[in-house]
Protein backbone atom coordinates (compact mmCIF):
# COMPACT_ATOMS: atom_id res chain seq x y z
CA MET A 1 25.20 16.64 24.71
CA THR A 2 21.45 15.91 23.80
CA LYS A 3 20.22 13.28 21.78
CA GLN A 4 17.52 13.96 19.28
CA PRO A 5 14.05 12.50 19.08
CA ALA A 6 13.86 9.28 17.27
CA LYS A 7 12.56 8.80 13.75
CA PRO A 8 10.50 6.06 12.25
CA GLY A 9 13.33 3.02 10.82
CA LEU A 10 13.74 3.24 7.15
CA ARG A 11 12.29 -0.41 6.88
CA LEU A 12 9.00 1.03 8.50
CA GLN A 13 8.87 4.36 6.38
CA LEU A 14 9.55 1.70 3.17
CA ALA A 15 6.17 -0.57 4.38
CA ARG A 16 4.33 2.75 4.92
CA ALA A 17 5.49 3.94 1.49
CA THR A 18 4.67 1.25 -0.44
CA PRO A 19 0.79 1.16 -0.37
CA LEU A 20 0.76 4.59 -1.67
CA ILE A 21 3.64 3.79 -4.24
CA ALA A 22 0.79 1.17 -5.56
CA LEU A 23 -1.92 3.28 -5.39
CA ILE A 24 -0.25 6.37 -7.25
CA LEU A 25 1.55 3.73 -9.97
CA PRO A 26 -1.74 3.64 -12.88
CA PHE A 27 -1.24 7.08 -12.72
CA ALA A 28 2.55 7.43 -13.78
CA VAL A 29 2.39 4.77 -16.61
CA GLY A 30 1.83 5.35 -20.42
CA ASN A 31 -0.38 2.52 -21.50
CA GLU A 32 -2.77 0.26 -20.89
CA TYR A 33 -0.14 -2.18 -21.86
CA GLN A 34 2.35 -1.01 -18.63
CA LEU A 35 -0.39 -1.24 -16.54
CA HIS A 36 -0.87 -4.73 -17.27
CA VAL A 37 2.94 -5.79 -16.51
CA LEU A 38 2.61 -4.29 -13.27
CA THR A 39 -0.99 -6.27 -12.51
CA VAL A 40 1.23 -9.60 -13.56
CA ILE A 41 3.91 -8.55 -11.15
CA GLY A 42 1.17 -8.01 -8.34
CA ILE A 43 -0.48 -11.39 -9.24
CA TYR A 44 2.88 -13.47 -9.08
CA TRP A 45 3.77 -11.77 -6.10
CA VAL A 46 0.64 -13.21 -4.45
CA LEU A 47 2.21 -16.64 -5.33
CA VAL A 48 5.55 -15.58 -4.28
CA ALA A 49 4.65 -14.36 -1.25
CA GLY A 50 3.29 -17.57 0.32
CA LEU A 51 6.20 -19.55 -1.56
CA ASN A 52 8.68 -17.56 0.14
CA LEU A 53 7.39 -19.12 3.83
CA VAL A 54 8.35 -22.37 2.50
CA ILE A 55 11.36 -22.09 0.51
CA GLY A 56 12.96 -18.72 2.26
CA PHE A 57 11.68 -19.21 5.66
CA ALA A 58 11.27 -23.27 6.27
CA GLY A 59 14.09 -24.26 3.55
CA GLN A 60 11.58 -26.69 1.49
CA LEU A 61 12.62 -26.82 -2.29
CA SER A 62 9.03 -26.57 -3.62
CA VAL A 63 9.07 -26.27 -7.45
CA GLY A 64 6.11 -27.23 -8.15
CA HIS A 65 3.43 -24.45 -7.27
CA VAL A 66 2.67 -23.84 -10.81
CA GLY A 67 0.51 -26.92 -10.47
CA LEU A 68 -1.39 -25.08 -7.44
CA LEU A 69 -1.76 -22.43 -9.75
CA ALA A 70 -3.29 -24.26 -12.47
CA ILE A 71 -5.76 -25.37 -9.76
CA GLY A 72 -7.06 -22.16 -8.74
CA ALA A 73 -7.26 -20.71 -12.32
CA TYR A 74 -9.45 -23.42 -13.67
CA ALA A 75 -11.38 -23.83 -10.50
CA THR A 76 -12.40 -20.02 -10.75
CA VAL A 77 -13.20 -20.61 -14.50
CA ILE A 78 -15.53 -23.88 -13.96
CA ILE A 79 -17.00 -22.67 -10.55
CA THR A 80 -18.16 -19.34 -12.72
CA ALA A 81 -18.97 -20.75 -15.83
CA ARG A 82 -21.28 -24.11 -14.54
CA TRP A 83 -22.96 -22.71 -11.42
CA GLY A 84 -22.74 -18.96 -12.35
CA VAL A 85 -21.32 -17.90 -8.96
CA ASP A 86 -19.67 -14.52 -8.95
CA PRO A 87 -15.72 -14.58 -9.69
CA LEU A 88 -14.75 -13.19 -6.93
CA VAL A 89 -16.47 -15.49 -4.83
CA ALA A 90 -15.20 -18.49 -7.34
CA MET A 91 -11.62 -17.08 -6.50
CA ALA A 92 -11.94 -17.44 -2.60
CA LEU A 93 -13.28 -20.68 -3.31
CA ALA A 94 -10.47 -21.80 -5.46
CA GLY A 95 -8.10 -19.98 -2.81
CA ALA A 96 -9.46 -22.69 -0.12
CA LEU A 97 -9.45 -25.44 -2.79
CA GLY A 98 -5.75 -24.65 -3.14
CA GLY A 99 -5.17 -24.44 0.46
CA VAL A 100 -6.84 -28.04 0.65
CA CYS A 101 -5.00 -29.44 -2.31
CA GLY A 102 -1.54 -28.12 -0.67
CA PHE A 103 -2.88 -29.52 2.74
CA LEU A 104 -3.18 -33.41 0.57
CA LEU A 105 0.46 -33.05 -1.19
CA GLY A 106 2.00 -31.81 1.94
CA LEU A 107 0.95 -34.83 4.26
CA PRO A 108 3.03 -37.18 2.25
CA SER A 109 5.63 -35.28 0.54
CA LEU A 110 6.92 -33.25 3.54
CA ARG A 111 8.02 -36.06 5.54
CA LEU A 112 10.43 -36.44 2.42
CA PRO A 113 14.32 -34.90 2.29
CA GLY A 114 15.12 -31.81 0.35
CA PHE A 115 15.48 -33.07 -3.02
CA TYR A 116 13.30 -35.77 -2.91
CA PHE A 117 10.41 -33.23 -1.28
CA ALA A 118 11.46 -31.01 -4.89
CA MET A 119 10.86 -34.04 -6.83
CA ALA A 120 7.50 -34.80 -5.39
CA THR A 121 6.22 -30.91 -5.81
CA LEU A 122 7.65 -31.41 -9.86
CA ALA A 123 5.92 -34.36 -10.30
CA PHE A 124 2.84 -32.73 -8.61
CA SER A 125 2.43 -30.21 -10.96
CA LEU A 126 3.11 -32.45 -14.35
CA ILE A 127 0.39 -35.04 -13.14
CA VAL A 128 -1.94 -31.55 -13.11
CA THR A 129 -0.75 -30.42 -16.60
CA GLU A 130 -1.60 -34.11 -17.94
CA GLN A 131 -5.01 -34.27 -16.17
CA LEU A 132 -5.93 -30.53 -17.59
CA VAL A 133 -5.38 -31.97 -21.17
CA ALA A 134 -6.56 -35.36 -20.29
CA HIS A 135 -10.61 -34.18 -19.42
CA ASN A 136 -11.92 -32.51 -22.36
CA THR A 137 -15.61 -32.59 -20.66
CA LEU A 138 -14.20 -30.33 -17.61
CA THR A 139 -11.39 -28.28 -18.32
CA GLY A 140 -11.53 -27.93 -22.25
CA GLY A 141 -8.57 -30.30 -23.30
CA GLY A 142 -5.81 -28.64 -24.86
CA ALA A 143 -8.30 -26.11 -26.51
CA GLY A 144 -8.53 -24.46 -22.79
CA MET A 145 -11.39 -22.26 -21.55
CA SER A 146 -12.48 -18.78 -21.78
CA ALA A 147 -12.05 -16.83 -18.44
CA PRO A 148 -14.92 -14.95 -16.76
CA GLN A 149 -14.55 -11.08 -16.42
CA PHE A 150 -14.89 -9.69 -12.46
CA GLN A 151 -17.16 -7.22 -12.35
CA ALA A 152 -17.75 -3.47 -11.98
CA PRO A 153 -15.77 -1.57 -10.25
CA PHE A 154 -12.83 -4.57 -11.43
CA ASP A 155 -14.42 -4.80 -15.33
CA THR A 156 -11.69 -2.33 -16.23
CA ALA A 157 -7.73 -2.73 -16.32
CA ARG A 158 -7.07 -0.13 -13.60
CA GLY A 159 -10.00 -1.33 -11.38
CA PHE A 160 -8.81 -5.29 -11.90
CA TYR A 161 -5.26 -3.53 -11.03
CA TYR A 162 -6.67 -2.00 -7.75
CA LEU A 163 -8.45 -5.24 -6.74
CA VAL A 164 -4.71 -7.57 -7.60
CA VAL A 165 -3.01 -4.65 -5.12
CA VAL A 166 -5.36 -5.14 -2.12
CA ILE A 167 -4.71 -8.66 -2.16
CA ALA A 168 -1.48 -8.16 -2.26
CA LEU A 169 -0.92 -6.04 0.27
CA VAL A 170 -3.44 -8.30 2.72
CA ILE A 171 -1.06 -11.44 1.80
CA THR A 172 2.00 -9.42 2.09
CA TRP A 173 0.69 -8.60 5.60
CA LEU A 174 -0.09 -11.86 6.86
CA ALA A 175 3.62 -13.45 5.32
CA TRP A 176 5.05 -10.37 7.05
CA ASN A 177 3.59 -11.13 10.50
CA ILE A 178 3.98 -14.86 10.22
CA GLY A 179 7.67 -13.98 9.45
CA ARG A 180 8.36 -11.79 12.08
CA ARG A 181 6.78 -13.19 14.92
CA MET A 182 7.11 -16.55 16.93
CA TRP A 183 6.11 -18.52 13.46
CA GLY A 184 8.87 -17.18 11.57
CA ARG A 185 11.10 -17.69 14.04
CA GLY A 186 10.73 -21.32 14.19
CA LEU A 187 10.62 -21.67 10.56
CA ILE A 188 14.12 -19.84 10.73
CA ALA A 189 15.30 -22.43 12.73
CA LEU A 190 13.86 -25.66 10.84
CA ARG A 191 15.77 -23.83 8.03
CA ASP A 192 19.14 -23.86 9.34
CA SER A 193 18.74 -26.72 11.46
CA GLU A 194 15.95 -29.39 11.35
CA VAL A 195 17.68 -31.54 14.47
CA ALA A 196 17.64 -28.38 16.36
CA ALA A 197 14.34 -27.15 15.96
CA VAL A 198 13.38 -30.59 16.96
CA ALA A 199 15.43 -30.59 20.26
CA VAL A 200 13.86 -27.12 21.27
CA GLY A 201 10.38 -28.39 21.00
CA ILE A 202 9.37 -26.81 17.38
CA PRO A 203 6.69 -29.08 15.84
CA VAL A 204 8.22 -29.55 12.94
CA PHE A 205 6.50 -31.49 10.71
CA ARG A 206 3.19 -29.15 11.78
CA LEU A 207 4.62 -25.82 11.07
CA LYS A 208 6.07 -27.16 7.89
CA LEU A 209 2.55 -28.44 6.65
CA ALA A 210 1.15 -25.04 7.88
CA VAL A 211 2.71 -22.88 5.79
CA PHE A 212 2.48 -25.23 2.85
CA THR A 213 -1.18 -25.10 3.07
CA PHE A 214 -0.90 -21.26 2.89
CA SER A 215 0.92 -20.99 -0.09
CA GLY A 216 -1.50 -23.51 -1.65
CA VAL A 217 -3.98 -20.51 -0.74
CA THR A 218 -2.24 -17.47 -2.09
CA ALA A 219 -1.30 -19.88 -5.07
CA GLY A 220 -5.20 -21.04 -5.57
CA VAL A 221 -6.18 -17.20 -5.39
CA ALA A 222 -3.28 -16.09 -7.83
CA GLY A 223 -4.73 -18.44 -10.29
CA GLY A 224 -8.17 -17.10 -10.09
CA LEU A 225 -6.45 -13.54 -10.66
CA PHE A 226 -4.24 -15.01 -13.41
CA ALA A 227 -6.96 -16.32 -15.40
CA SER A 228 -9.35 -13.29 -15.30
CA LEU A 229 -6.32 -11.05 -16.34
CA GLN A 230 -5.56 -13.40 -18.94
CA GLY A 231 -8.99 -14.09 -20.67
CA TYR A 232 -8.62 -17.67 -21.87
CA ILE A 233 -6.29 -20.47 -20.30
CA THR A 234 -4.57 -23.40 -21.69
CA PRO A 235 -2.89 -25.96 -20.39
CA GLU A 236 0.43 -24.72 -22.00
CA ALA A 237 0.17 -21.57 -19.60
CA PHE A 238 0.81 -23.29 -16.67
CA MET A 239 4.31 -25.15 -17.82
CA PHE A 240 7.27 -26.01 -15.80
CA GLU A 241 9.23 -22.89 -16.84
CA LEU A 242 6.45 -20.92 -14.92
CA GLY A 243 6.94 -22.65 -11.99
CA MET A 244 10.79 -22.65 -12.18
CA PHE A 245 10.40 -18.75 -12.52
CA PHE A 246 8.74 -18.68 -9.00
CA PHE A 247 11.75 -20.71 -7.58
CA ILE A 248 14.44 -17.88 -8.82
CA CYS A 249 12.10 -15.23 -7.89
CA ILE A 250 12.78 -16.23 -4.39
CA ILE A 251 16.44 -17.49 -4.91
CA ILE A 252 17.41 -14.20 -6.14
CA GLY A 253 15.83 -12.19 -3.40
CA GLY A 254 16.96 -14.08 -0.36
CA ASN A 255 16.12 -16.37 2.30
CA GLY A 256 13.91 -15.32 5.56
CA ASN A 257 12.88 -11.98 4.31
CA ILE A 258 10.12 -9.95 2.49
CA VAL A 259 11.80 -7.53 0.25
CA GLY A 260 14.08 -9.57 -1.34
CA PRO A 261 11.75 -12.25 -3.27
CA PHE A 262 9.53 -8.85 -3.93
CA ALA A 263 12.29 -7.40 -6.18
CA GLY A 264 13.29 -10.46 -7.65
CA THR A 265 9.71 -11.11 -9.09
CA VAL A 266 9.82 -7.29 -10.14
CA ILE A 267 12.87 -8.05 -11.76
CA LEU A 268 12.23 -10.96 -13.62
CA THR A 269 8.89 -9.91 -14.67
CA LEU A 270 10.25 -6.75 -15.83
CA LEU A 271 13.84 -8.54 -17.80
CA PRO A 272 11.78 -9.82 -20.97
CA GLU A 273 10.04 -6.38 -21.52
CA VAL A 274 13.09 -4.26 -21.09
CA ALA A 275 15.16 -6.61 -23.33
CA ALA A 276 12.54 -7.29 -25.86
CA PRO A 277 14.97 -7.26 -28.65
CA LEU A 278 16.65 -10.04 -27.02
CA ALA A 279 13.35 -11.90 -26.63
CA LYS A 280 14.81 -15.28 -27.96
CA MET A 281 17.64 -15.06 -25.38
CA GLY A 282 15.04 -15.40 -22.54
CA ASN A 283 16.16 -18.28 -20.76
CA LEU A 284 19.95 -17.41 -21.10
CA LEU A 285 18.86 -13.76 -19.84
CA TYR A 286 17.20 -15.51 -16.31
CA GLY A 287 20.32 -17.87 -16.39
CA VAL A 288 22.75 -15.21 -16.47
CA LEU A 289 20.71 -13.45 -13.91
CA LEU A 290 20.80 -15.84 -11.58
CA LEU A 291 24.37 -16.89 -12.13
CA VAL A 292 25.27 -13.32 -11.26
CA SER A 293 23.14 -13.04 -7.98
CA VAL A 294 24.48 -16.39 -7.01
CA LEU A 295 28.25 -15.23 -7.53
CA LEU A 296 28.04 -11.87 -6.53
CA ILE A 297 25.03 -11.55 -3.81
CA PRO A 298 25.40 -15.05 -2.61
CA LYS A 299 22.76 -14.36 0.22
CA GLY A 300 20.52 -12.37 -2.00
CA ILE A 301 18.59 -9.52 -2.66
CA GLY A 302 17.00 -9.27 0.81
CA SER A 303 20.53 -9.52 2.34
CA ALA A 304 21.93 -6.83 0.62
CA VAL A 305 19.15 -4.42 1.41
CA SER A 306 19.18 -4.86 4.96
CA ALA A 307 22.68 -4.47 5.31
CA TRP A 308 22.49 -1.29 3.77
CA VAL A 309 19.57 -0.32 5.96
CA ASP A 310 21.70 -1.04 8.70
CA ARG A 311 24.60 0.73 7.97
CA HIS A 312 22.22 3.99 7.24
CA ARG A 313 20.65 3.16 10.81
CA GLU A 314 24.21 3.15 12.19
CA ARG A 315 25.38 6.58 10.63
CA ARG A 316 21.32 7.90 11.99
CA ARG A 317 22.40 6.80 15.44
CA ALA A 318 25.91 8.23 15.18
CA ALA A 319 24.58 11.72 14.18
CA ALA A 320 21.96 11.54 16.65
CA ILE A 321 24.20 12.33 19.23
CA VAL A 322 24.58 16.06 18.93
CA PRO A 323 27.53 17.64 20.93
CA GLN A 324 26.81 20.60 23.05
CA PRO A 325 30.34 22.18 23.38
CA ALA A 326 29.14 25.76 25.52
CA GLN A 327 27.11 22.94 28.02
CA LEU A 328 30.33 21.01 27.98
CA ALA A 329 32.64 23.96 28.92
CA ALA A 330 29.92 25.23 31.84
CA ALA A 331 29.93 22.03 32.94
CA LEU A 332 34.15 21.99 33.44
CA ALA A 333 34.68 25.52 34.91
CA LYS A 334 32.12 24.90 37.65
CA PRO A 335 34.31 24.07 40.40
CA MET A 336 33.97 20.73 42.43
CA PRO A 337 32.53 20.37 46.03
CA PRO A 338 34.62 20.34 48.87
CA ARG A 339 35.29 16.67 49.92
CA LYS A 340 34.48 15.70 53.09
CA GLU A 341 36.96 14.20 55.51
CA SER A 342 35.93 10.79 57.06
CA ALA A 343 36.14 11.04 61.06
């Protein structure tokens, strides 16, 4: 029997195909609005990819990242409008500011147990929204502010989409490398049992603070992209419902993987478009989808995909060993050498 040469795994094939699919999609959509929806998915994923390390890997229930998104959006607008900075540079500065805010928020709140940490992040997002309304001279108050557009070649719908895709791929690559290496194993150990993680020497608080800061950076960058896409931002665009949207994307996607939360982001973003006639029932649809996912796929979409990939891999391994009847028959027909008698 001979063994066939190994082929790249299905996960690796999907990882290689994803950038190509993202580049081709603009030519496959029918109109500019559909391209807008794809861009929204990419922007949301920039935030969710970082938040997934906090919730899906570290097990910290953060529901207030919409506040960091708002900080990134308003920071990009203010830096561009007041100091005339290029929007790309302003977006990078907004990401840095988001990381600083995540660090400062995480210092006290990450020491709290799960439910209280969730309430602290929720309180943070509510405070940010109230401050956006209160500071009229800086943020425009309830009237909002006009957001800048990126310069060429990102000043068109397709060009901006490709900018979002490049940033999303970079963030995904960073999150994937964090998740699959020593940091990711430490985060999963922390999620499963914080006491056991401390016992084996994992720096629990430092690890949580690092990934929370990283998620603040991704939220700040996503905020800059979100502001430019919308063209005009108001505090009403950053309500609690949007924060729950990001949280649900990860919950239905599953813990400890990248594919599941990405699938959850795509599904939840496309759901209002697919069910447009039932727009008034949006919250009901989200609730039903969450309930069905929890009941039928309790470990999330990612676990279901991983199980399917593992079954596919086992079938490939079984098929990789090809029997050779002729060689087997020749080996059996060959006479065995005579045994030597011992003295």
